[in-house]
Amino acid sequence: MTSSSASLPVLVAGGGIGGLAAALALVRQGFQVKVFEQAPEIGEIGAGIQLGPNAFHAFDALGVGDKARSRSVFTDYMVMHDAIDEYQVGKIPTDENFRKRFGNPYAVIHRVDVHLSLLEGAQETGKVEFQTSTRIERVEQDEEGVTVYDQHGKAYRGVALIGADGVKSVVRQQYVSDPPRVTGHVVYRAVVDKADFPDELKWNAASIWVGPNCHLVHYPLRGGEQYNIVVTFHSRQTEEWGVTEGSKEEVQSYFQGICPKARQLIDLPKTWKRWATADREPIGQWTFGRATLLGDAAHPTTQYMAQGACMALEDAVTLGEALRVTGKDWTKALDLYQRSRITRTARIVLSGREMGRLYHAKGVERLVRNSLWKGRTADRFYDAMEWLYGWNVGNCLTQD
């Protein structure tokens, strides 16, 4: 790195979870960071998300573990029920034995609280500059760095560019230009106050009800004062990838035949957000010179593995470690980062597709699904999860 490029910041496109995590990782390696966010304010939308032990390993590596823990609800178990007859398909304890096995807890948290924990951490460093209402639209590179141009044609210079600009990434579009794979699965998300949530479902658990071509999820948020509700169904119409306002009538029309205990969930929210979901085919290259992708820009996935935010956090930590072990040689570091992440994140994308099929099984497939984990012990569940939850900063560069 020359003296002229050494004084340049690292540019990060996107101020979401992935972008802020990347900023924290980069600051910890001694860089100044400039984050571009197209929204007028640095913030987050959405509802609840689930965090595996791998996410907390990442939070700790980024220096915000205590912040994230203080805003999380630590579950007692994960549980799957058949939404037709209430049969318990599987139950996985996330108790002290789980924490000892993986070194960190399983938790549920509001997406806004994940973002806030990262934002506070970034602001406290004094080395992250935020520029809002700015959409990066074009990237140019040379041997010394990158130049990005915003929607007004204004140029910004940096030593490298991290494209953390989400599922519809402009940076990915420039370098990869691959189409999304629209699933036809629609997700409705809402948050309901504790007082309005059924007492019989106030479980301290990540809970899923799986049905034919649909499923429902619920778990507590913010100290149990709120509950997250997510419902997913196969749409009757051709969908376009995006987020719109939801319709209570539409949701209710898709859940005929579901047992009353589960079906009452869809009657609770007063307002819904509607996501028409998509992913992309995994790619074998997402680093291009001094520009690389991170989070949903690199490996957008469906929600079925509950790992989208976790993978972005892992990406950021791995990027920082790659810079550290290569002596901040950007060419070597970005290559190592990419090699360490391609296979693991592709497995998440592909596993998500298969998990969606498993959740939404019908007919004989439903019977097979309901028999898969009969009699399985907690330790056997943990063995099956080792590849996922066993990730940490110590092994993140050996995942290829």
Protein backbone atom coordinates (compact mmCIF):
# COMPACT_ATOMS: atom_id res chain seq x y z
CA MET A 1 0.00 0.00 0.00
CA THR A 2 1.48 3.36 -1.01
CA SER A 3 1.52 6.39 1.30
CA SER A 4 -1.16 8.07 -0.80
CA SER A 5 -3.56 5.13 -0.62
CA ALA A 6 -2.79 4.48 3.05
CA SER A 7 -4.55 7.72 3.99
CA LEU A 8 -7.73 6.80 2.10
CA PRO A 9 -10.76 5.38 3.90
CA VAL A 10 -12.37 2.07 3.10
CA LEU A 11 -15.71 2.74 1.40
CA VAL A 12 -18.74 0.72 2.46
CA ALA A 13 -21.89 0.78 0.34
CA GLY A 14 -24.83 0.16 2.67
CA GLY A 15 -25.55 1.08 6.26
CA GLY A 16 -27.46 -2.04 7.26
CA ILE A 17 -26.33 -4.87 9.51
CA GLY A 18 -23.67 -6.09 7.08
CA GLY A 19 -22.32 -2.63 6.35
CA LEU A 20 -22.03 -1.64 10.00
CA ALA A 21 -20.45 -4.96 10.93
CA ALA A 22 -17.93 -4.48 8.12
CA ALA A 23 -17.17 -0.97 9.36
CA LEU A 24 -16.48 -2.28 12.86
CA ALA A 25 -14.24 -5.05 11.56
CA LEU A 26 -12.28 -2.59 9.41
CA VAL A 27 -11.81 -0.08 12.22
CA ARG A 28 -10.41 -2.86 14.39
CA GLN A 29 -7.76 -3.37 11.69
CA GLY A 30 -6.80 0.31 11.82
CA PHE A 31 -8.78 1.71 8.90
CA GLN A 32 -10.91 4.81 8.62
CA VAL A 33 -14.29 3.94 7.12
CA LYS A 34 -16.87 5.87 5.13
CA VAL A 35 -20.35 4.33 5.01
CA PHE A 36 -22.83 5.34 2.32
CA GLU A 37 -26.54 4.83 2.99
CA GLN A 38 -29.22 5.65 0.44
CA ALA A 39 -31.90 6.27 3.11
CA PRO A 40 -32.13 9.69 4.78
CA GLU A 41 -31.10 8.17 8.12
CA ILE A 42 -28.99 5.26 9.30
CA GLY A 43 -31.64 2.85 10.53
CA GLU A 44 -33.27 -0.53 10.07
CA ILE A 45 -36.72 -1.89 9.35
CA GLY A 46 -38.21 -5.33 9.88
CA ALA A 47 -39.25 -7.39 12.83
CA GLY A 48 -37.58 -10.15 14.82
CA ILE A 49 -34.65 -12.33 13.81
CA GLN A 50 -33.00 -15.37 15.34
CA LEU A 51 -29.36 -15.42 16.37
CA GLY A 52 -27.34 -18.59 16.66
CA PRO A 53 -24.13 -18.94 18.71
CA ASN A 54 -22.18 -18.06 15.58
CA ALA A 55 -23.76 -14.59 15.61
CA PHE A 56 -22.67 -13.99 19.20
CA HIS A 57 -19.15 -15.15 18.38
CA ALA A 58 -19.18 -12.49 15.67
CA PHE A 59 -20.59 -9.81 17.98
CA ASP A 60 -17.82 -10.55 20.47
CA ALA A 61 -15.16 -10.33 17.77
CA LEU A 62 -16.60 -6.95 16.72
CA GLY A 63 -16.62 -5.64 20.29
CA VAL A 64 -20.41 -5.34 20.68
CA GLY A 65 -21.26 -8.64 22.36
CA ASP A 66 -22.51 -7.02 25.55
CA LYS A 67 -24.71 -4.59 23.65
CA ALA A 68 -26.33 -7.36 21.62
CA ARG A 69 -26.84 -9.61 24.64
CA SER A 70 -28.53 -6.83 26.60
CA ARG A 71 -31.19 -6.55 23.89
CA SER A 72 -31.71 -10.26 23.25
CA VAL A 73 -34.19 -12.79 24.59
CA PHE A 74 -32.43 -16.08 25.33
CA THR A 75 -34.66 -19.00 24.43
CA ASP A 76 -35.12 -22.27 26.31
CA TYR A 77 -35.65 -24.35 23.19
CA MET A 78 -36.49 -24.46 19.50
CA VAL A 79 -39.62 -26.40 18.60
CA MET A 80 -41.41 -27.53 15.43
CA HIS A 81 -45.07 -28.57 15.37
CA ASP A 82 -47.21 -29.88 12.55
CA ALA A 83 -49.70 -27.08 11.88
CA ILE A 84 -52.48 -29.50 10.97
CA ASP A 85 -52.61 -31.79 14.00
CA GLU A 86 -50.22 -30.10 16.52
CA TYR A 87 -47.82 -33.08 16.44
CA GLN A 88 -44.42 -32.11 17.88
CA VAL A 89 -41.97 -32.88 15.08
CA GLY A 90 -38.87 -31.91 17.01
CA LYS A 91 -37.69 -30.02 20.08
CA ILE A 92 -34.11 -28.82 20.60
CA PRO A 93 -33.09 -27.51 24.02
CA THR A 94 -31.06 -24.29 23.91
CA ASP A 95 -30.20 -24.46 27.59
CA GLU A 96 -26.90 -24.47 29.44
CA ASN A 97 -25.79 -27.68 27.72
CA PHE A 98 -26.35 -26.04 24.34
CA ARG A 99 -24.31 -23.02 25.43
CA LYS A 100 -21.48 -25.19 26.69
CA ARG A 101 -21.43 -27.12 23.42
CA PHE A 102 -21.26 -24.05 21.16
CA GLY A 103 -19.75 -21.45 23.48
CA ASN A 104 -22.63 -19.01 23.13
CA PRO A 105 -26.43 -18.91 23.40
CA TYR A 106 -29.32 -19.03 20.98
CA ALA A 107 -31.45 -15.90 21.09
CA VAL A 108 -34.17 -13.92 19.41
CA ILE A 109 -34.02 -10.15 18.98
CA HIS A 110 -35.64 -7.31 17.10
CA ARG A 111 -33.73 -6.53 13.92
CA VAL A 112 -33.63 -2.87 14.92
CA ASP A 113 -31.81 -3.82 18.13
CA VAL A 114 -29.12 -5.74 16.22
CA HIS A 115 -28.59 -2.71 14.02
CA LEU A 116 -28.53 -0.33 16.99
CA SER A 117 -25.90 -2.40 18.78
CA LEU A 118 -23.64 -2.27 15.72
CA LEU A 119 -24.35 1.43 15.10
CA GLU A 120 -23.48 2.38 18.67
CA GLY A 121 -20.27 0.39 18.40
CA ALA A 122 -19.34 2.10 15.14
CA GLN A 123 -20.12 5.58 16.45
CA GLU A 124 -18.08 5.00 19.60
CA THR A 125 -14.94 4.31 17.56
CA GLY A 126 -14.89 7.83 16.13
CA LYS A 127 -13.47 6.34 12.93
CA VAL A 128 -16.64 5.71 10.93
CA GLU A 129 -18.12 8.52 8.85
CA PHE A 130 -21.71 8.18 7.66
CA GLN A 131 -23.12 9.75 4.55
CA THR A 132 -26.88 9.36 4.14
CA SER A 133 -29.19 10.00 1.17
CA THR A 134 -26.37 8.69 -1.02
CA ARG A 135 -26.76 5.79 -3.42
CA ILE A 136 -23.59 4.38 -4.97
CA GLU A 137 -24.32 3.77 -8.65
CA ARG A 138 -20.95 3.13 -10.31
CA VAL A 139 -17.48 1.89 -9.40
CA GLU A 140 -14.12 2.52 -11.08
CA GLN A 141 -10.81 1.01 -10.00
CA ASP A 142 -7.07 1.34 -10.46
CA GLU A 143 -4.07 -0.24 -8.76
CA GLU A 144 -4.16 2.20 -5.85
CA GLY A 145 -7.84 2.20 -4.97
CA VAL A 146 -11.44 2.69 -6.02
CA THR A 147 -13.60 5.61 -7.02
CA VAL A 148 -17.36 5.40 -6.57
CA TYR A 149 -19.98 7.74 -8.00
CA ASP A 150 -23.30 8.53 -6.37
CA GLN A 151 -26.70 9.30 -7.92
CA HIS A 152 -25.63 12.92 -8.48
CA GLY A 153 -22.39 11.99 -10.20
CA LYS A 154 -20.24 13.00 -7.22
CA ALA A 155 -17.04 10.97 -6.85
CA TYR A 156 -15.56 9.48 -3.66
CA ARG A 157 -12.14 7.90 -3.39
CA GLY A 158 -11.19 4.97 -1.19
CA VAL A 159 -8.59 2.26 -0.76
CA ALA A 160 -11.23 -0.44 -1.32
CA LEU A 161 -15.00 -0.89 -1.59
CA ILE A 162 -17.16 -3.26 0.44
CA GLY A 163 -20.49 -3.77 -1.34
CA ALA A 164 -22.89 -4.37 1.56
CA ASP A 165 -25.79 -2.84 -0.31
CA GLY A 166 -28.28 -5.64 0.21
CA VAL A 167 -30.32 -8.05 -1.82
CA LYS A 168 -30.61 -5.66 -4.78
CA SER A 169 -26.94 -4.67 -4.69
CA VAL A 170 -25.79 -2.12 -7.26
CA VAL A 171 -22.20 -3.26 -6.76
CA ARG A 172 -23.17 -6.85 -7.54
CA GLN A 173 -25.14 -5.70 -10.54
CA GLN A 174 -22.06 -3.98 -11.99
CA TYR A 175 -19.72 -6.94 -11.52
CA VAL A 176 -21.98 -10.00 -11.70
CA SER A 177 -25.31 -8.89 -13.21
CA ASP A 178 -27.12 -12.12 -12.40
CA PRO A 179 -30.90 -12.38 -12.09
CA PRO A 180 -32.71 -13.02 -8.82
CA ARG A 181 -34.51 -16.31 -8.31
CA VAL A 182 -38.00 -15.32 -7.20
CA THR A 183 -39.35 -18.14 -5.05
CA GLY A 184 -43.07 -17.46 -5.18
CA HIS A 185 -43.05 -17.69 -1.38
CA VAL A 186 -44.53 -14.69 0.40
CA VAL A 187 -43.57 -13.75 3.95
CA TYR A 188 -45.70 -11.60 6.23
CA ARG A 189 -44.04 -10.17 9.35
CA ALA A 190 -45.53 -8.33 12.32
CA VAL A 191 -44.84 -7.55 15.98
CA VAL A 192 -47.63 -7.90 18.57
CA ASP A 193 -47.68 -6.61 22.15
CA LYS A 194 -47.58 -9.17 24.96
CA ALA A 195 -51.06 -8.18 26.15
CA ASP A 196 -52.53 -9.15 22.77
CA PHE A 197 -50.68 -12.46 22.43
CA PRO A 198 -52.36 -15.76 23.44
CA ASP A 199 -51.27 -17.02 26.86
CA GLU A 200 -51.14 -20.61 25.58
CA LEU A 201 -48.41 -19.64 23.07
CA LYS A 202 -46.24 -17.46 25.31
CA TRP A 203 -43.35 -19.89 25.06
CA ASN A 204 -39.77 -18.77 25.57
CA ALA A 205 -38.84 -20.49 22.36
CA ALA A 206 -38.25 -20.08 18.65
CA SER A 207 -41.43 -21.85 17.54
CA ILE A 208 -42.53 -22.95 14.09
CA TRP A 209 -45.77 -24.51 12.87
CA VAL A 210 -45.23 -26.27 9.55
CA GLY A 211 -48.08 -26.92 7.13
CA PRO A 212 -48.75 -27.75 3.50
CA ASN A 213 -47.29 -24.92 1.40
CA CYS A 214 -47.11 -22.68 4.47
CA HIS A 215 -45.68 -22.18 7.94
CA LEU A 216 -45.97 -19.86 10.94
CA VAL A 217 -43.27 -18.69 13.35
CA HIS A 218 -43.49 -16.92 16.71
CA TYR A 219 -41.11 -15.98 19.52
CA PRO A 220 -40.74 -13.29 22.20
CA LEU A 221 -38.92 -10.00 21.76
CA ARG A 222 -37.71 -7.20 24.03
CA GLY A 223 -37.87 -8.99 27.33
CA GLY A 224 -41.08 -10.74 26.39
CA GLU A 225 -43.00 -7.47 26.08
CA GLN A 226 -43.62 -8.15 22.39
CA TYR A 227 -43.94 -11.21 20.17
CA ASN A 228 -42.71 -11.63 16.63
CA ILE A 229 -45.06 -13.32 14.17
CA VAL A 230 -44.00 -14.52 10.73
CA VAL A 231 -46.22 -16.37 8.29
CA THR A 232 -45.12 -17.76 4.94
CA PHE A 233 -47.16 -19.21 2.09
CA HIS A 234 -46.86 -20.16 -1.56
CA SER A 235 -48.48 -17.37 -3.54
CA ARG A 236 -51.24 -18.07 -6.05
CA GLN A 237 -49.99 -15.25 -8.25
CA THR A 238 -46.77 -14.39 -10.03
CA GLU A 239 -44.63 -12.45 -7.58
CA GLU A 240 -42.06 -9.71 -8.03
CA TRP A 241 -39.24 -9.41 -5.52
CA GLY A 242 -39.97 -6.63 -3.03
CA VAL A 243 -41.69 -5.33 0.11
CA THR A 244 -45.21 -3.91 0.23
CA GLU A 245 -47.96 -3.30 2.74
CA GLY A 246 -49.77 -6.49 3.66
CA SER A 247 -53.44 -7.44 3.65
CA LYS A 248 -54.98 -9.31 6.57
CA GLU A 249 -57.53 -10.80 4.19
CA GLU A 250 -54.80 -12.24 1.97
CA VAL A 251 -53.03 -13.90 4.88
CA GLN A 252 -56.21 -15.44 6.22
CA SER A 253 -57.10 -16.86 2.82
CA TYR A 254 -54.00 -19.08 2.74
CA PHE A 255 -54.32 -20.88 6.08
CA GLN A 256 -57.41 -23.01 5.75
CA GLY A 257 -57.08 -26.42 7.43
CA ILE A 258 -54.55 -25.20 9.99
CA CYS A 259 -55.23 -26.15 13.62
CA PRO A 260 -56.95 -23.42 15.70
CA LYS A 261 -53.99 -22.97 18.06
CA ALA A 262 -51.68 -22.00 15.20
CA ARG A 263 -54.26 -20.24 13.07
CA GLN A 264 -55.05 -17.67 15.75
CA LEU A 265 -51.62 -16.16 15.11
CA ILE A 266 -52.72 -14.70 11.80
CA ASP A 267 -55.66 -12.91 13.40
CA LEU A 268 -53.50 -10.94 15.86
CA PRO A 269 -51.54 -8.28 13.91
CA LYS A 270 -53.19 -4.97 13.09
CA THR A 271 -50.69 -4.24 10.32
CA TRP A 272 -48.40 -6.48 8.27
CA LYS A 273 -45.38 -6.01 6.03
CA ARG A 274 -45.37 -8.28 2.98
CA TRP A 275 -42.13 -9.66 1.51
CA ALA A 276 -42.13 -11.47 -1.84
CA THR A 277 -38.94 -13.47 -1.39
CA ALA A 278 -36.04 -14.37 -3.66
CA ASP A 279 -32.51 -15.61 -3.50
CA ARG A 280 -29.75 -15.90 -6.12
CA GLU A 281 -27.72 -18.82 -7.35
CA PRO A 282 -24.48 -19.11 -5.33
CA ILE A 283 -21.50 -17.67 -7.16
CA GLY A 284 -17.85 -18.69 -7.02
CA GLN A 285 -16.47 -15.15 -7.23
CA TRP A 286 -17.62 -12.00 -5.50
CA THR A 287 -14.30 -10.14 -5.24
CA PHE A 288 -13.28 -7.99 -8.20
CA GLY A 289 -9.99 -6.18 -7.74
CA ARG A 290 -10.42 -3.93 -4.73
CA ALA A 291 -14.19 -4.34 -4.60
CA THR A 292 -15.90 -7.18 -2.78
CA LEU A 293 -19.39 -8.14 -1.70
CA LEU A 294 -20.67 -8.87 1.80
CA GLY A 295 -23.90 -10.09 3.36
CA ASP A 296 -27.03 -10.21 1.24
CA ALA A 297 -25.18 -8.58 -1.64
CA ALA A 298 -22.89 -11.62 -1.80
CA HIS A 299 -25.25 -14.49 -0.95
CA PRO A 300 -28.93 -13.51 -0.67
CA THR A 301 -30.90 -16.39 0.78
CA THR A 302 -34.39 -17.32 1.80
CA GLN A 303 -35.28 -17.12 5.48
CA TYR A 304 -35.61 -20.83 6.19
CA MET A 305 -32.22 -21.30 7.87
CA ALA A 306 -32.66 -18.12 9.99
CA GLN A 307 -29.08 -17.19 9.09
CA GLY A 308 -29.18 -14.12 6.84
CA ALA A 309 -27.97 -11.61 9.44
CA CYS A 310 -25.67 -14.20 11.01
CA MET A 311 -23.88 -14.74 7.69
CA ALA A 312 -23.36 -11.00 7.23
CA LEU A 313 -21.82 -10.79 10.70
CA GLU A 314 -19.57 -13.76 9.93
CA ASP A 315 -18.54 -12.15 6.63
CA ALA A 316 -17.45 -8.98 8.40
CA VAL A 317 -15.37 -10.80 11.00
CA THR A 318 -13.76 -12.98 8.33
CA LEU A 319 -12.90 -9.92 6.23
CA GLY A 320 -11.19 -8.32 9.22
CA GLU A 321 -9.24 -11.49 10.01
CA ALA A 322 -8.17 -11.85 6.38
CA LEU A 323 -6.77 -8.32 6.45
CA ARG A 324 -4.98 -9.04 9.71
CA VAL A 325 -3.22 -12.23 8.63
CA THR A 326 -2.18 -10.82 5.23
CA GLY A 327 -0.67 -7.66 6.69
CA LYS A 328 -3.45 -5.56 5.15
CA ASP A 329 -2.53 -6.60 1.61
CA TRP A 330 -5.89 -5.97 -0.04
CA THR A 331 -5.37 -8.31 -2.98
CA LYS A 332 -4.41 -11.23 -0.75
CA ALA A 333 -6.94 -10.37 1.94
CA LEU A 334 -9.95 -10.14 -0.36
CA ASP A 335 -8.98 -13.39 -2.04
CA LEU A 336 -8.66 -15.13 1.34
CA TYR A 337 -11.94 -13.63 2.55
CA GLN A 338 -13.75 -14.87 -0.54
CA ARG A 339 -12.26 -18.38 -0.40
CA SER A 340 -13.16 -18.65 3.28
CA ARG A 341 -16.81 -17.74 2.68
CA ILE A 342 -17.96 -19.10 -0.70
CA THR A 343 -18.66 -22.71 0.29
CA ARG A 344 -20.19 -21.98 3.68
CA THR A 345 -22.58 -19.29 2.45
CA ALA A 346 -23.55 -21.37 -0.60
CA ARG A 347 -24.44 -24.19 1.78
CA ILE A 348 -26.74 -21.79 3.64
CA VAL A 349 -28.47 -20.72 0.40
CA LEU A 350 -28.96 -24.29 -0.81
CA SER A 351 -29.93 -25.59 2.63
CA GLY A 352 -32.50 -22.83 2.88
CA ARG A 353 -34.19 -24.07 -0.26
CA GLU A 354 -34.32 -27.62 1.07
CA MET A 355 -35.53 -26.50 4.48
CA GLY A 356 -38.36 -24.60 2.80
CA ARG A 357 -39.41 -27.80 1.07
CA LEU A 358 -39.26 -29.67 4.38
CA TYR A 359 -41.35 -27.07 6.20
CA HIS A 360 -44.02 -27.00 3.49
CA ALA A 361 -44.29 -30.74 2.91
CA LYS A 362 -47.69 -32.24 2.18
CA GLY A 363 -49.10 -35.71 1.59
CA VAL A 364 -46.63 -38.54 2.15
CA GLU A 365 -43.71 -36.07 2.31
CA ARG A 366 -45.37 -34.56 5.37
CA LEU A 367 -45.47 -37.96 7.05
CA VAL A 368 -41.80 -38.50 6.29
CA ARG A 369 -40.92 -35.08 7.67
CA ASN A 370 -42.84 -35.73 10.87
CA SER A 371 -40.88 -38.97 11.42
CA LEU A 372 -37.39 -37.60 10.75
CA TRP A 373 -36.37 -36.71 14.30
CA LYS A 374 -38.47 -39.11 16.36
CA GLY A 375 -36.50 -40.12 19.44
CA ARG A 376 -33.51 -37.95 18.58
CA THR A 377 -31.54 -36.81 21.65
CA ALA A 378 -30.31 -33.27 22.22
CA ASP A 379 -26.71 -34.35 21.62
CA ARG A 380 -27.61 -35.79 18.22
CA PHE A 381 -29.28 -32.51 17.27
CA TYR A 382 -26.18 -30.65 18.41
CA ASP A 383 -23.93 -32.92 16.35
CA ALA A 384 -26.00 -32.10 13.26
CA MET A 385 -25.70 -28.38 14.01
CA GLU A 386 -21.93 -28.38 14.57
CA TRP A 387 -21.14 -27.22 11.03
CA LEU A 388 -23.38 -24.19 11.50
CA TYR A 389 -22.98 -23.13 15.11
CA GLY A 390 -19.37 -24.19 15.51
CA TRP A 391 -18.11 -21.18 13.55
CA ASN A 392 -16.00 -18.64 15.44
CA VAL A 393 -13.26 -16.09 14.90
CA GLY A 394 -10.60 -18.74 15.53
CA ASN A 395 -11.68 -20.97 12.65
CA CYS A 396 -13.24 -18.47 10.25
CA LEU A 397 -10.33 -18.59 7.79
CA THR A 398 -10.38 -22.38 7.56
CA GLN A 399 -13.96 -22.76 6.30
CA ASP A 400 -13.22 -23.19 2.59
